[in-house]
Structures are given as C-alpha cells and as structure tokens.
Amino acid sequence: MIQELRRYSIMPGRMPDMHLRMRDTLLPMFEQLNVPRPQIIWSSCDDVFSWILAWESYEQRQAGWSRVYPAWHKIKMSLGDQEFVTQTELTLIQPWLQMPSFQRVKQGSCETAWHVRPHISHVGRFREACLETVFAGFQKAGATSVAGFDMLFGPLPQMLILVSWPDPQLRQAASALSAPHIERCRGASGDLTAPALVSERSEFLDRAGYL
C-alpha cells in the first residue's frame, strides 16, 4: 500500500470552485475509472487544496492516472473555464506506524500539518522524540490522532506530522499546550553540533464536508 499526497495551489477566491470540481466532476470520474476515492480532502487559508490517495501498488497508481489524465483533459476542454490551479505538487508518503483513519469525530473535525526537514544527522533522534513525547503531548492537548510520515520524493529527509482535532477551536487553543513538546523535539540533538531541524512550518487544514 502506498499513499500519495497531492497539493494544488489555487488562485485567490477560487477555492469554492476547486471544491465543486472535486465533488461534482473528479470524484464521479474516479469512481467510473476505478480510481481509489481520496482518504481525506483539505483546504487551507493560504489557498492550498490537499488530498491523499491510497494505492495498492505503484503499478496500480500509474495505471490509474493513465486513465484519468486523458478523461480529465476532455472534460476540461468541454468546460472552457479559466484554469484556477496554478501549481501542483505531489509526493508519496510512508506512514511511520500506520495510516490514520481520519474518522470524523464531529462536524468540523480538522487537522494541523507540521512539515519538518530534520538535519540528516538527526532523523532517527527526531522520530524517536516524536514517538516518545511529542505525539503524547498532542493527544494530551485533545488531539484525536497523531501520525508521522516520511516524504519519499523532493528535498530529503523531510517528514510530515498530521494531528487530528475534533474542531478548529480546540486546534487553536492546543497550539500553546503543545509548544513545550515541540520545543523539546527541536532540541533533540543530543551531543551533536548540527541543529535538529533545517526547516519547519505548520498549517491548519480544514476538511471537505462532502467526502
């Protein structure tokens, strides 16, 4: 099983159109072409539309997209609308332990994504710190699940931490509660001289309600 993370940059003001495209056109097309239904779909305040697909194998993925691209091209040409996706990023991600179910606890369930590039000398230490302290800190702050992933393409090493929350209010309030655990992870350098993290950033991801 492999997971594919796709991120689309959307023109300002056109995110509702992207959701309509996914709900009314892409999801029915995926079903017709025997492409897996996305496990999760998000949008963020910086106009990024993200989603994760699970494939049985790399060969299944290649065959699936070979069916999708020509079909989507025909549909897109018939619509004649201005393209509002300005950039596409995709990568495969490997869960550290297991893929979260993204179970909806209640309406408004959402995620925080922590994108991290640990120093190559600290990959093992960073993962250990997350599994031993940071994940527990998020859960103590009210997270319903926490999962870590290795990015398999792009600048490496790079990791993604997905934290699920029952609602945006708790997600916002939990930021301060989680800070000490994250700071401990940033300093997980032992006796090595290099900084633990080369770069990091966090983003709030809001789930699409139609999936």
N, C-alpha and C. Protein backbone atom coordinates (compact mmCIF):
# COMPACT_ATOMS: atom_id res chain seq x y z
N MET A 1 0.85 -1.20 0.00
CA MET A 1 0.00 0.00 0.00
C MET A 1 0.88 1.25 0.00
N ILE A 2 0.60 2.19 -0.88
CA ILE A 2 1.32 3.46 -0.89
C ILE A 2 0.30 4.59 -0.82
N GLN A 3 0.73 5.69 -0.19
CA GLN A 3 -0.12 6.87 -0.08
C GLN A 3 0.47 7.99 -0.92
N GLU A 4 -0.39 8.66 -1.66
CA GLU A 4 0.03 9.78 -2.50
C GLU A 4 -0.59 11.06 -1.96
N LEU A 5 0.25 12.04 -1.69
CA LEU A 5 -0.19 13.35 -1.23
C LEU A 5 -0.11 14.32 -2.40
N ARG A 6 -1.25 14.95 -2.72
CA ARG A 6 -1.31 15.92 -3.81
C ARG A 6 -1.73 17.27 -3.23
N ARG A 7 -1.01 18.32 -3.64
CA ARG A 7 -1.29 19.67 -3.14
C ARG A 7 -1.40 20.61 -4.34
N TYR A 8 -2.53 21.30 -4.43
CA TYR A 8 -2.78 22.22 -5.54
C TYR A 8 -2.84 23.65 -5.01
N SER A 9 -2.05 24.53 -5.61
CA SER A 9 -2.16 25.95 -5.31
C SER A 9 -3.30 26.53 -6.16
N ILE A 10 -4.21 27.24 -5.50
CA ILE A 10 -5.43 27.73 -6.14
C ILE A 10 -5.41 29.26 -6.22
N MET A 11 -5.89 29.80 -7.33
CA MET A 11 -5.98 31.25 -7.46
C MET A 11 -6.83 31.83 -6.32
N PRO A 12 -6.45 32.99 -5.78
CA PRO A 12 -7.24 33.60 -4.70
C PRO A 12 -8.71 33.75 -5.11
N GLY A 13 -9.58 33.35 -4.20
CA GLY A 13 -11.01 33.46 -4.44
C GLY A 13 -11.63 32.30 -5.18
N ARG A 14 -10.82 31.34 -5.65
CA ARG A 14 -11.36 30.23 -6.46
C ARG A 14 -11.41 28.89 -5.72
N MET A 15 -11.14 28.89 -4.42
CA MET A 15 -11.20 27.64 -3.68
C MET A 15 -12.59 26.99 -3.74
N PRO A 16 -13.69 27.76 -3.63
CA PRO A 16 -15.01 27.12 -3.78
C PRO A 16 -15.16 26.39 -5.11
N ASP A 17 -14.57 26.95 -6.18
CA ASP A 17 -14.64 26.28 -7.48
C ASP A 17 -13.86 24.98 -7.48
N MET A 18 -12.74 24.95 -6.76
CA MET A 18 -11.96 23.72 -6.68
C MET A 18 -12.75 22.64 -5.95
N HIS A 19 -13.43 23.01 -4.88
CA HIS A 19 -14.25 22.03 -4.17
C HIS A 19 -15.39 21.53 -5.05
N LEU A 20 -16.02 22.41 -5.81
CA LEU A 20 -17.07 21.98 -6.73
C LEU A 20 -16.52 21.02 -7.79
N ARG A 21 -15.33 21.33 -8.29
CA ARG A 21 -14.70 20.45 -9.29
C ARG A 21 -14.46 19.07 -8.70
N MET A 22 -13.94 19.02 -7.49
CA MET A 22 -13.67 17.73 -6.88
C MET A 22 -14.97 16.98 -6.62
N ARG A 23 -15.94 17.64 -6.02
CA ARG A 23 -17.18 16.97 -5.62
C ARG A 23 -18.02 16.52 -6.81
N ASP A 24 -18.19 17.41 -7.79
CA ASP A 24 -19.15 17.15 -8.87
C ASP A 24 -18.54 16.51 -10.11
N THR A 25 -17.21 16.64 -10.29
CA THR A 25 -16.59 16.12 -11.51
C THR A 25 -15.55 15.05 -11.23
N LEU A 26 -14.58 15.36 -10.38
CA LEU A 26 -13.47 14.43 -10.19
C LEU A 26 -13.87 13.16 -9.44
N LEU A 27 -14.61 13.31 -8.34
CA LEU A 27 -14.99 12.11 -7.59
C LEU A 27 -15.83 11.15 -8.42
N PRO A 28 -16.86 11.63 -9.15
CA PRO A 28 -17.59 10.70 -10.03
C PRO A 28 -16.70 10.09 -11.11
N MET A 29 -15.76 10.87 -11.64
CA MET A 29 -14.86 10.34 -12.66
C MET A 29 -13.95 9.26 -12.07
N PHE A 30 -13.43 9.49 -10.86
CA PHE A 30 -12.60 8.48 -10.21
C PHE A 30 -13.37 7.16 -10.05
N GLU A 31 -14.61 7.26 -9.62
CA GLU A 31 -15.42 6.05 -9.43
C GLU A 31 -15.62 5.32 -10.75
N GLN A 32 -15.88 6.07 -11.79
CA GLN A 32 -16.10 5.47 -13.10
C GLN A 32 -14.84 4.79 -13.63
N LEU A 33 -13.68 5.37 -13.35
CA LEU A 33 -12.42 4.86 -13.87
C LEU A 33 -11.71 3.92 -12.90
N ASN A 34 -12.40 3.55 -11.83
CA ASN A 34 -11.84 2.62 -10.84
C ASN A 34 -10.56 3.16 -10.21
N VAL A 35 -10.60 4.43 -9.85
CA VAL A 35 -9.52 5.09 -9.12
C VAL A 35 -9.95 5.22 -7.67
N PRO A 36 -9.09 4.93 -6.69
CA PRO A 36 -9.50 4.98 -5.28
C PRO A 36 -10.07 6.35 -4.90
N ARG A 37 -11.08 6.31 -4.06
CA ARG A 37 -11.64 7.54 -3.52
C ARG A 37 -10.62 8.15 -2.54
N PRO A 38 -10.43 9.47 -2.55
CA PRO A 38 -9.48 10.07 -1.61
C PRO A 38 -9.80 9.70 -0.16
N GLN A 39 -8.76 9.51 0.62
CA GLN A 39 -8.94 9.23 2.04
C GLN A 39 -9.33 10.48 2.81
N ILE A 40 -8.85 11.61 2.35
CA ILE A 40 -9.10 12.89 3.02
C ILE A 40 -8.89 14.01 2.01
N ILE A 41 -9.66 15.08 2.16
CA ILE A 41 -9.51 16.27 1.32
C ILE A 41 -9.51 17.48 2.24
N TRP A 42 -8.56 18.40 2.03
CA TRP A 42 -8.47 19.60 2.85
C TRP A 42 -8.33 20.86 1.99
N SER A 43 -8.63 21.98 2.62
CA SER A 43 -8.21 23.28 2.09
C SER A 43 -7.59 24.06 3.24
N SER A 44 -6.73 25.01 2.91
CA SER A 44 -6.06 25.81 3.92
C SER A 44 -6.24 27.29 3.60
N CYS A 45 -5.94 28.14 4.58
CA CYS A 45 -6.16 29.57 4.41
C CYS A 45 -5.21 30.19 3.41
N ASP A 46 -4.13 29.50 3.04
CA ASP A 46 -3.20 30.04 2.05
C ASP A 46 -3.48 29.51 0.65
N ASP A 47 -4.76 29.13 0.41
CA ASP A 47 -5.22 28.74 -0.93
C ASP A 47 -4.52 27.49 -1.45
N VAL A 48 -4.34 26.51 -0.58
CA VAL A 48 -3.80 25.22 -0.99
C VAL A 48 -4.87 24.15 -0.76
N PHE A 49 -5.11 23.37 -1.78
CA PHE A 49 -6.09 22.27 -1.76
C PHE A 49 -5.29 20.97 -1.73
N SER A 50 -5.46 20.18 -0.66
CA SER A 50 -4.64 18.97 -0.47
C SER A 50 -5.53 17.75 -0.36
N TRP A 51 -5.00 16.61 -0.81
CA TRP A 51 -5.73 15.36 -0.66
C TRP A 51 -4.77 14.18 -0.70
N ILE A 52 -5.21 13.07 -0.10
CA ILE A 52 -4.41 11.85 -0.03
C ILE A 52 -5.17 10.71 -0.68
N LEU A 53 -4.47 9.98 -1.53
CA LEU A 53 -4.99 8.78 -2.18
C LEU A 53 -4.19 7.58 -1.72
N ALA A 54 -4.85 6.45 -1.53
CA ALA A 54 -4.16 5.20 -1.19
C ALA A 54 -4.22 4.25 -2.38
N TRP A 55 -3.06 3.73 -2.75
CA TRP A 55 -2.96 2.79 -3.87
C TRP A 55 -2.42 1.46 -3.37
N GLU A 56 -2.85 0.37 -4.00
CA GLU A 56 -2.34 -0.95 -3.63
C GLU A 56 -0.88 -1.11 -4.02
N SER A 57 -0.46 -0.45 -5.10
CA SER A 57 0.92 -0.58 -5.58
C SER A 57 1.24 0.60 -6.47
N TYR A 58 2.53 0.77 -6.76
CA TYR A 58 2.95 1.83 -7.68
C TYR A 58 2.40 1.56 -9.07
N GLU A 59 2.32 0.30 -9.46
CA GLU A 59 1.79 -0.05 -10.78
C GLU A 59 0.32 0.32 -10.89
N GLN A 60 -0.45 0.11 -9.80
CA GLN A 60 -1.86 0.50 -9.82
C GLN A 60 -1.99 2.01 -9.96
N ARG A 61 -1.10 2.73 -9.28
CA ARG A 61 -1.13 4.19 -9.38
C ARG A 61 -0.87 4.64 -10.81
N GLN A 62 0.15 4.11 -11.43
CA GLN A 62 0.48 4.51 -12.79
C GLN A 62 -0.67 4.20 -13.75
N ALA A 63 -1.27 3.03 -13.60
CA ALA A 63 -2.39 2.66 -14.47
C ALA A 63 -3.59 3.56 -14.22
N GLY A 64 -3.84 3.91 -12.95
CA GLY A 64 -4.97 4.76 -12.62
C GLY A 64 -4.85 6.14 -13.23
N TRP A 65 -3.69 6.77 -13.07
CA TRP A 65 -3.52 8.11 -13.63
C TRP A 65 -3.47 8.09 -15.15
N SER A 66 -3.04 6.99 -15.74
CA SER A 66 -3.06 6.90 -17.21
C SER A 66 -4.49 6.89 -17.74
N ARG A 67 -5.44 6.46 -16.93
CA ARG A 67 -6.85 6.54 -17.32
C ARG A 67 -7.44 7.91 -17.04
N VAL A 68 -6.99 8.52 -15.93
CA VAL A 68 -7.58 9.79 -15.51
C VAL A 68 -7.19 10.94 -16.42
N TYR A 69 -5.91 11.07 -16.75
CA TYR A 69 -5.44 12.26 -17.45
C TYR A 69 -6.15 12.51 -18.78
N PRO A 70 -6.28 11.53 -19.68
CA PRO A 70 -6.99 11.82 -20.93
C PRO A 70 -8.47 12.10 -20.71
N ALA A 71 -9.10 11.41 -19.76
CA ALA A 71 -10.52 11.65 -19.48
C ALA A 71 -10.72 13.06 -18.93
N TRP A 72 -9.84 13.48 -18.02
CA TRP A 72 -9.96 14.81 -17.45
C TRP A 72 -9.68 15.88 -18.50
N HIS A 73 -8.76 15.64 -19.40
CA HIS A 73 -8.46 16.61 -20.45
C HIS A 73 -9.70 16.88 -21.31
N LYS A 74 -10.42 15.84 -21.66
CA LYS A 74 -11.64 16.01 -22.46
C LYS A 74 -12.69 16.82 -21.71
N ILE A 75 -12.88 16.50 -20.44
CA ILE A 75 -13.86 17.23 -19.64
C ILE A 75 -13.46 18.69 -19.50
N LYS A 76 -12.18 18.91 -19.23
CA LYS A 76 -11.68 20.27 -19.03
C LYS A 76 -11.87 21.11 -20.28
N MET A 77 -11.60 20.54 -21.45
CA MET A 77 -11.77 21.27 -22.70
C MET A 77 -13.23 21.62 -22.95
N SER A 78 -14.13 20.74 -22.55
CA SER A 78 -15.55 20.99 -22.77
C SER A 78 -16.09 22.07 -21.86
N LEU A 79 -15.48 22.25 -20.68
CA LEU A 79 -15.95 23.26 -19.75
C LEU A 79 -15.57 24.66 -20.19
N GLY A 80 -14.39 24.81 -20.74
CA GLY A 80 -13.94 26.11 -21.24
C GLY A 80 -13.72 27.15 -20.16
N ASP A 81 -13.58 26.74 -18.92
CA ASP A 81 -13.38 27.68 -17.82
C ASP A 81 -11.91 28.03 -17.68
N GLN A 82 -11.64 29.22 -17.15
CA GLN A 82 -10.26 29.61 -16.87
C GLN A 82 -9.69 28.66 -15.81
N GLU A 83 -8.48 28.19 -16.03
CA GLU A 83 -7.85 27.29 -15.06
C GLU A 83 -7.48 28.06 -13.80
N PHE A 84 -7.89 27.53 -12.66
CA PHE A 84 -7.61 28.22 -11.39
C PHE A 84 -6.58 27.48 -10.55
N VAL A 85 -6.10 26.32 -10.99
CA VAL A 85 -4.98 25.64 -10.32
C VAL A 85 -3.69 26.19 -10.92
N THR A 86 -2.88 26.82 -10.10
CA THR A 86 -1.66 27.47 -10.59
C THR A 86 -0.42 26.61 -10.44
N GLN A 87 -0.47 25.61 -9.56
CA GLN A 87 0.70 24.74 -9.35
C GLN A 87 0.25 23.45 -8.70
N THR A 88 0.90 22.36 -9.07
CA THR A 88 0.60 21.05 -8.48
C THR A 88 1.88 20.47 -7.89
N GLU A 89 1.80 20.02 -6.65
CA GLU A 89 2.90 19.30 -6.01
C GLU A 89 2.39 17.92 -5.62
N LEU A 90 3.18 16.91 -5.87
CA LEU A 90 2.78 15.57 -5.43
C LEU A 90 3.99 14.80 -4.94
N THR A 91 3.73 13.92 -4.00
CA THR A 91 4.77 13.05 -3.47
C THR A 91 4.11 11.80 -2.91
N LEU A 92 4.88 10.78 -2.69
CA LEU A 92 4.41 9.61 -1.97
C LEU A 92 4.86 9.73 -0.53
N ILE A 93 4.02 9.30 0.39
CA ILE A 93 4.33 9.39 1.81
C ILE A 93 4.24 8.00 2.43
N GLN A 94 5.13 7.75 3.39
CA GLN A 94 5.20 6.44 4.05
C GLN A 94 4.91 6.62 5.53
N PRO A 95 3.80 6.06 6.04
CA PRO A 95 3.50 6.20 7.47
C PRO A 95 4.58 5.55 8.33
N TRP A 96 4.88 6.18 9.47
CA TRP A 96 5.84 5.58 10.39
C TRP A 96 5.27 4.30 11.00
N LEU A 97 4.03 4.35 11.43
CA LEU A 97 3.41 3.20 12.08
C LEU A 97 2.25 2.68 11.23
N GLN A 98 1.17 3.44 11.17
CA GLN A 98 0.03 3.06 10.36
C GLN A 98 -0.70 4.31 9.90
N MET A 99 -1.46 4.17 8.84
CA MET A 99 -2.20 5.29 8.29
C MET A 99 -3.38 5.62 9.20
N PRO A 100 -3.57 6.90 9.58
CA PRO A 100 -4.74 7.24 10.38
C PRO A 100 -6.02 7.03 9.59
N SER A 101 -7.12 6.78 10.31
CA SER A 101 -8.40 6.54 9.64
C SER A 101 -9.10 7.83 9.25
N PHE A 102 -8.67 8.96 9.83
CA PHE A 102 -9.32 10.25 9.60
C PHE A 102 -10.81 10.18 9.92
N GLN A 103 -11.13 9.43 10.98
CA GLN A 103 -12.52 9.32 11.39
C GLN A 103 -13.03 10.69 11.83
N ARG A 104 -14.21 11.04 11.35
CA ARG A 104 -14.81 12.32 11.71
C ARG A 104 -15.44 12.19 13.09
N VAL A 105 -14.82 12.84 14.09
CA VAL A 105 -15.35 12.78 15.45
C VAL A 105 -16.66 13.55 15.53
N LYS A 106 -16.71 14.70 14.89
CA LYS A 106 -17.92 15.50 14.82
C LYS A 106 -17.76 16.48 13.66
N GLN A 107 -18.83 17.17 13.32
CA GLN A 107 -18.75 18.16 12.26
C GLN A 107 -17.69 19.21 12.62
N GLY A 108 -16.78 19.46 11.71
CA GLY A 108 -15.72 20.42 11.98
C GLY A 108 -14.40 19.78 12.32
N SER A 109 -14.32 18.44 12.32
CA SER A 109 -13.03 17.78 12.54
C SER A 109 -12.01 18.31 11.54
N CYS A 110 -10.77 18.50 12.01
CA CYS A 110 -9.76 19.18 11.20
C CYS A 110 -8.38 18.69 11.59
N GLU A 111 -7.38 19.18 10.90
CA GLU A 111 -6.00 18.76 11.14
C GLU A 111 -5.05 19.94 11.24
N THR A 112 -3.91 19.68 11.87
CA THR A 112 -2.72 20.52 11.77
C THR A 112 -1.66 19.70 11.05
N ALA A 113 -1.01 20.30 10.07
CA ALA A 113 0.09 19.64 9.37
C ALA A 113 1.39 20.33 9.78
N TRP A 114 2.34 19.55 10.26
CA TRP A 114 3.66 20.06 10.64
C TRP A 114 4.66 19.49 9.64
N HIS A 115 5.17 20.36 8.78
CA HIS A 115 6.14 19.97 7.75
C HIS A 115 7.54 20.20 8.29
N VAL A 116 8.34 19.17 8.35
CA VAL A 116 9.64 19.24 9.02
C VAL A 116 10.74 18.68 8.13
N ARG A 117 11.86 19.40 8.08
CA ARG A 117 13.07 18.87 7.46
C ARG A 117 14.13 18.75 8.55
N PRO A 118 14.26 17.56 9.16
CA PRO A 118 15.30 17.38 10.17
C PRO A 118 16.68 17.33 9.52
N HIS A 119 17.68 17.76 10.27
CA HIS A 119 19.04 17.60 9.79
C HIS A 119 19.30 16.12 9.55
N ILE A 120 20.04 15.80 8.52
CA ILE A 120 20.25 14.39 8.17
C ILE A 120 20.89 13.60 9.31
N SER A 121 21.61 14.29 10.20
CA SER A 121 22.22 13.61 11.35
C SER A 121 21.21 13.31 12.45
N HIS A 122 20.01 13.92 12.36
CA HIS A 122 19.05 13.83 13.46
C HIS A 122 17.76 13.12 13.10
N VAL A 123 17.73 12.46 11.96
CA VAL A 123 16.47 11.83 11.52
C VAL A 123 15.97 10.84 12.56
N GLY A 124 16.84 9.95 13.02
CA GLY A 124 16.42 8.95 14.00
C GLY A 124 16.02 9.58 15.31
N ARG A 125 16.81 10.56 15.77
CA ARG A 125 16.51 11.22 17.04
C ARG A 125 15.18 11.96 16.96
N PHE A 126 14.94 12.63 15.84
CA PHE A 126 13.69 13.37 15.69
C PHE A 126 12.49 12.42 15.74
N ARG A 127 12.58 11.32 15.01
CA ARG A 127 11.46 10.36 15.00
C ARG A 127 11.23 9.80 16.41
N GLU A 128 12.30 9.47 17.10
CA GLU A 128 12.16 8.95 18.46
C GLU A 128 11.51 9.97 19.38
N ALA A 129 11.93 11.23 19.27
CA ALA A 129 11.35 12.27 20.12
C ALA A 129 9.86 12.43 19.86
N CYS A 130 9.48 12.35 18.59
CA CYS A 130 8.05 12.46 18.25
C CYS A 130 7.27 11.31 18.87
N LEU A 131 7.75 10.10 18.67
CA LEU A 131 7.02 8.92 19.14
C LEU A 131 7.00 8.82 20.66
N GLU A 132 8.05 9.31 21.31
CA GLU A 132 8.15 9.16 22.76
C GLU A 132 7.48 10.29 23.52
N THR A 133 7.50 11.52 22.99
CA THR A 133 6.98 12.65 23.77
C THR A 133 6.00 13.55 23.00
N VAL A 134 6.33 13.89 21.77
CA VAL A 134 5.55 14.91 21.06
C VAL A 134 4.14 14.41 20.75
N PHE A 135 4.02 13.19 20.25
CA PHE A 135 2.69 12.67 19.93
C PHE A 135 1.81 12.63 21.18
N ALA A 136 2.39 12.20 22.29
CA ALA A 136 1.63 12.15 23.54
C ALA A 136 1.22 13.55 23.98
N GLY A 137 2.08 14.54 23.73
CA GLY A 137 1.74 15.91 24.07
C GLY A 137 0.55 16.42 23.28
N PHE A 138 0.51 16.11 21.99
CA PHE A 138 -0.65 16.49 21.18
C PHE A 138 -1.92 15.82 21.70
N GLN A 139 -1.83 14.54 22.01
CA GLN A 139 -3.02 13.82 22.47
C GLN A 139 -3.49 14.34 23.83
N LYS A 140 -2.55 14.70 24.68
CA LYS A 140 -2.91 15.28 25.97
C LYS A 140 -3.62 16.61 25.78
N ALA A 141 -3.27 17.32 24.72
CA ALA A 141 -3.91 18.61 24.43
C ALA A 141 -5.27 18.45 23.76
N GLY A 142 -5.67 17.20 23.46
CA GLY A 142 -7.00 16.97 22.91
C GLY A 142 -7.05 16.41 21.51
N ALA A 143 -5.89 16.12 20.91
CA ALA A 143 -5.88 15.56 19.55
C ALA A 143 -6.52 14.18 19.55
N THR A 144 -7.27 13.88 18.50
CA THR A 144 -7.91 12.57 18.38
C THR A 144 -6.98 11.53 17.77
N SER A 145 -5.99 11.97 17.00
CA SER A 145 -4.98 11.05 16.47
C SER A 145 -3.78 11.86 16.02
N VAL A 146 -2.61 11.22 16.01
CA VAL A 146 -1.37 11.83 15.54
C VAL A 146 -0.64 10.79 14.71
N ALA A 147 -0.12 11.20 13.56
CA ALA A 147 0.59 10.26 12.70
C ALA A 147 1.78 10.95 12.06
N GLY A 148 2.87 10.20 11.90
CA GLY A 148 4.07 10.71 11.24
C GLY A 148 4.30 10.00 9.92
N PHE A 149 4.87 10.74 8.96
CA PHE A 149 5.12 10.20 7.63
C PHE A 149 6.50 10.64 7.15
N ASP A 150 7.15 9.78 6.39
CA ASP A 150 8.34 10.16 5.64
C ASP A 150 7.92 10.52 4.22
N MET A 151 8.42 11.67 3.73
CA MET A 151 8.24 12.02 2.33
C MET A 151 9.23 11.19 1.52
N LEU A 152 8.79 10.64 0.40
CA LEU A 152 9.65 9.78 -0.40
C LEU A 152 10.27 10.48 -1.59
N PHE A 153 9.80 11.69 -1.92
CA PHE A 153 10.35 12.46 -3.03
C PHE A 153 10.52 13.91 -2.60
N GLY A 154 11.30 14.67 -3.36
CA GLY A 154 11.55 16.07 -3.03
C GLY A 154 12.80 16.19 -2.18
N PRO A 155 13.01 17.36 -1.57
CA PRO A 155 14.17 17.54 -0.69
C PRO A 155 14.07 16.57 0.49
N LEU A 156 15.08 15.77 0.69
CA LEU A 156 15.06 14.75 1.74
C LEU A 156 16.26 14.90 2.67
N PRO A 157 16.13 14.50 3.94
CA PRO A 157 14.93 13.94 4.56
C PRO A 157 13.88 15.02 4.85
N GLN A 158 12.63 14.63 4.72
CA GLN A 158 11.51 15.52 5.01
C GLN A 158 10.38 14.68 5.59
N MET A 159 9.71 15.22 6.60
CA MET A 159 8.68 14.48 7.30
C MET A 159 7.42 15.32 7.44
N LEU A 160 6.31 14.63 7.60
CA LEU A 160 5.01 15.27 7.78
C LEU A 160 4.36 14.68 9.02
N ILE A 161 3.96 15.56 9.94
CA ILE A 161 3.22 15.15 11.13
C ILE A 161 1.79 15.66 10.97
N LEU A 162 0.82 14.76 10.98
CA LEU A 162 -0.59 15.13 10.88
C LEU A 162 -1.26 14.93 12.23
N VAL A 163 -1.85 16.00 12.74
CA VAL A 163 -2.53 15.96 14.04
C VAL A 163 -4.00 16.25 13.80
N SER A 164 -4.88 15.33 14.20
CA SER A 164 -6.32 15.50 14.00
C SER A 164 -6.96 16.06 15.27
N TRP A 165 -7.90 16.99 15.06
CA TRP A 165 -8.60 17.65 16.16
C TRP A 165 -10.11 17.53 15.95
N PRO A 166 -10.89 17.53 17.03
CA PRO A 166 -12.34 17.44 16.87
C PRO A 166 -12.97 18.71 16.32
N ASP A 167 -12.29 19.87 16.51
CA ASP A 167 -12.84 21.12 15.98
C ASP A 167 -11.73 22.17 15.92
N PRO A 168 -11.94 23.23 15.12
CA PRO A 168 -10.91 24.27 14.96
C PRO A 168 -10.60 25.02 16.25
N GLN A 169 -11.59 25.16 17.13
CA GLN A 169 -11.37 25.91 18.37
C GLN A 169 -10.34 25.20 19.26
N LEU A 170 -10.49 23.89 19.39
CA LEU A 170 -9.51 23.14 20.19
C LEU A 170 -8.16 23.13 19.50
N ARG A 171 -8.15 23.04 18.19
CA ARG A 171 -6.88 23.07 17.45
C ARG A 171 -6.12 24.36 17.75
N GLN A 172 -6.82 25.49 17.74
CA GLN A 172 -6.18 26.77 18.01
C GLN A 172 -5.70 26.85 19.45
N ALA A 173 -6.55 26.43 20.38
CA ALA A 173 -6.19 26.51 21.80
C ALA A 173 -5.04 25.57 22.13
N ALA A 174 -4.96 24.45 21.43
CA ALA A 174 -3.94 23.44 21.75
C ALA A 174 -2.55 23.84 21.29
N SER A 175 -2.44 24.86 20.45
CA SER A 175 -1.13 25.26 19.94
C SER A 175 -0.18 25.60 21.08
N ALA A 176 -0.67 26.35 22.07
CA ALA A 176 0.18 26.73 23.20
C ALA A 176 0.49 25.53 24.08
N LEU A 177 -0.49 24.63 24.25
CA LEU A 177 -0.27 23.46 25.10
C LEU A 177 0.76 22.51 24.51
N SER A 178 0.82 22.46 23.18
CA SER A 178 1.74 21.54 22.51
C SER A 178 3.15 22.11 22.36
N ALA A 179 3.29 23.42 22.53
CA ALA A 179 4.57 24.08 22.26
C ALA A 179 5.75 23.49 23.02
N PRO A 180 5.62 23.19 24.33
CA PRO A 180 6.79 22.63 25.04
C PRO A 180 7.27 21.31 24.46
N HIS A 181 6.35 20.47 24.02
CA HIS A 181 6.74 19.18 23.46
C HIS A 181 7.43 19.35 22.12
N ILE A 182 6.93 20.29 21.32
CA ILE A 182 7.56 20.56 20.03
C ILE A 182 8.95 21.15 20.24
N GLU A 183 9.09 22.03 21.24
CA GLU A 183 10.39 22.64 21.51
C GLU A 183 11.39 21.58 21.93
N ARG A 184 10.94 20.60 22.68
CA ARG A 184 11.82 19.50 23.08
C ARG A 184 12.29 18.73 21.85
N CYS A 185 11.38 18.60 20.89
CA CYS A 185 11.72 17.89 19.66
C CYS A 185 12.73 18.69 18.84
N ARG A 186 12.57 20.01 18.82
CA ARG A 186 13.51 20.86 18.09
C ARG A 186 14.92 20.72 18.67
N GLY A 187 15.00 20.49 19.95
CA GLY A 187 16.31 20.41 20.59
C GLY A 187 16.82 18.99 20.75
N ALA A 188 16.20 18.05 20.04
CA ALA A 188 16.60 16.64 20.19
C ALA A 188 17.88 16.36 19.42
N SER A 189 18.96 17.05 19.84
CA SER A 189 20.22 16.93 19.10
C SER A 189 21.29 16.17 19.87
N GLY A 190 20.99 15.80 21.12
CA GLY A 190 21.99 15.05 21.89
C GLY A 190 23.29 15.82 21.98
N ASP A 191 24.40 15.14 21.70
CA ASP A 191 25.70 15.80 21.77
C ASP A 191 26.19 16.20 20.38
N LEU A 192 25.30 16.21 19.38
CA LEU A 192 25.69 16.61 18.04
C LEU A 192 25.63 18.13 17.91
N THR A 193 26.45 18.68 17.04
CA THR A 193 26.54 20.13 16.95
C THR A 193 25.57 20.73 15.95
N ALA A 194 25.08 19.94 15.00
CA ALA A 194 24.17 20.48 13.99
C ALA A 194 22.80 20.73 14.60
N PRO A 195 22.06 21.74 14.11
CA PRO A 195 20.70 21.97 14.60
C PRO A 195 19.82 20.78 14.25
N ALA A 196 18.85 20.50 15.12
CA ALA A 196 18.00 19.33 14.91
C ALA A 196 17.16 19.48 13.65
N LEU A 197 16.66 20.69 13.39
CA LEU A 197 15.76 20.91 12.26
C LEU A 197 16.36 21.91 11.28
N VAL A 198 16.35 21.59 10.01
CA VAL A 198 16.79 22.51 8.97
C VAL A 198 15.70 23.54 8.70
N SER A 199 14.45 23.09 8.66
CA SER A 199 13.32 23.99 8.46
C SER A 199 12.06 23.31 8.97
N GLU A 200 11.04 24.12 9.23
CA GLU A 200 9.75 23.60 9.67
C GLU A 200 8.68 24.65 9.42
N ARG A 201 7.46 24.20 9.25
CA ARG A 201 6.32 25.10 9.14
C ARG A 201 5.06 24.32 9.48
N SER A 202 4.07 25.04 9.97
CA SER A 202 2.79 24.42 10.31
C SER A 202 1.68 25.07 9.51
N GLU A 203 0.64 24.30 9.22
CA GLU A 203 -0.53 24.85 8.56
C GLU A 203 -1.78 24.17 9.10
N PHE A 204 -2.86 24.94 9.12
CA PHE A 204 -4.16 24.41 9.53
C PHE A 204 -4.88 23.90 8.29
N LEU A 205 -5.36 22.66 8.36
CA LEU A 205 -6.06 22.02 7.25
C LEU A 205 -7.50 21.76 7.65
N ASP A 206 -8.43 22.28 6.87
CA ASP A 206 -9.86 22.10 7.14
C ASP A 206 -10.45 21.09 6.17
N ARG A 207 -11.14 20.10 6.70
CA ARG A 207 -11.66 19.00 5.89
C ARG A 207 -12.82 19.44 5.00
N ALA A 208 -12.88 18.82 3.83
CA ALA A 208 -14.04 18.99 2.96
C ALA A 208 -15.19 18.18 3.53
N GLY A 209 -16.36 18.79 3.59
CA GLY A 209 -17.50 18.12 4.21
C GLY A 209 -18.21 17.12 3.33
N TYR A 210 -17.87 17.05 2.04
CA TYR A 210 -18.60 16.20 1.11
C TYR A 210 -17.97 14.83 0.92
N LEU A 211 -16.82 14.59 1.52
CA LEU A 211 -16.16 13.29 1.30
C LEU A 211 -16.78 12.22 2.18
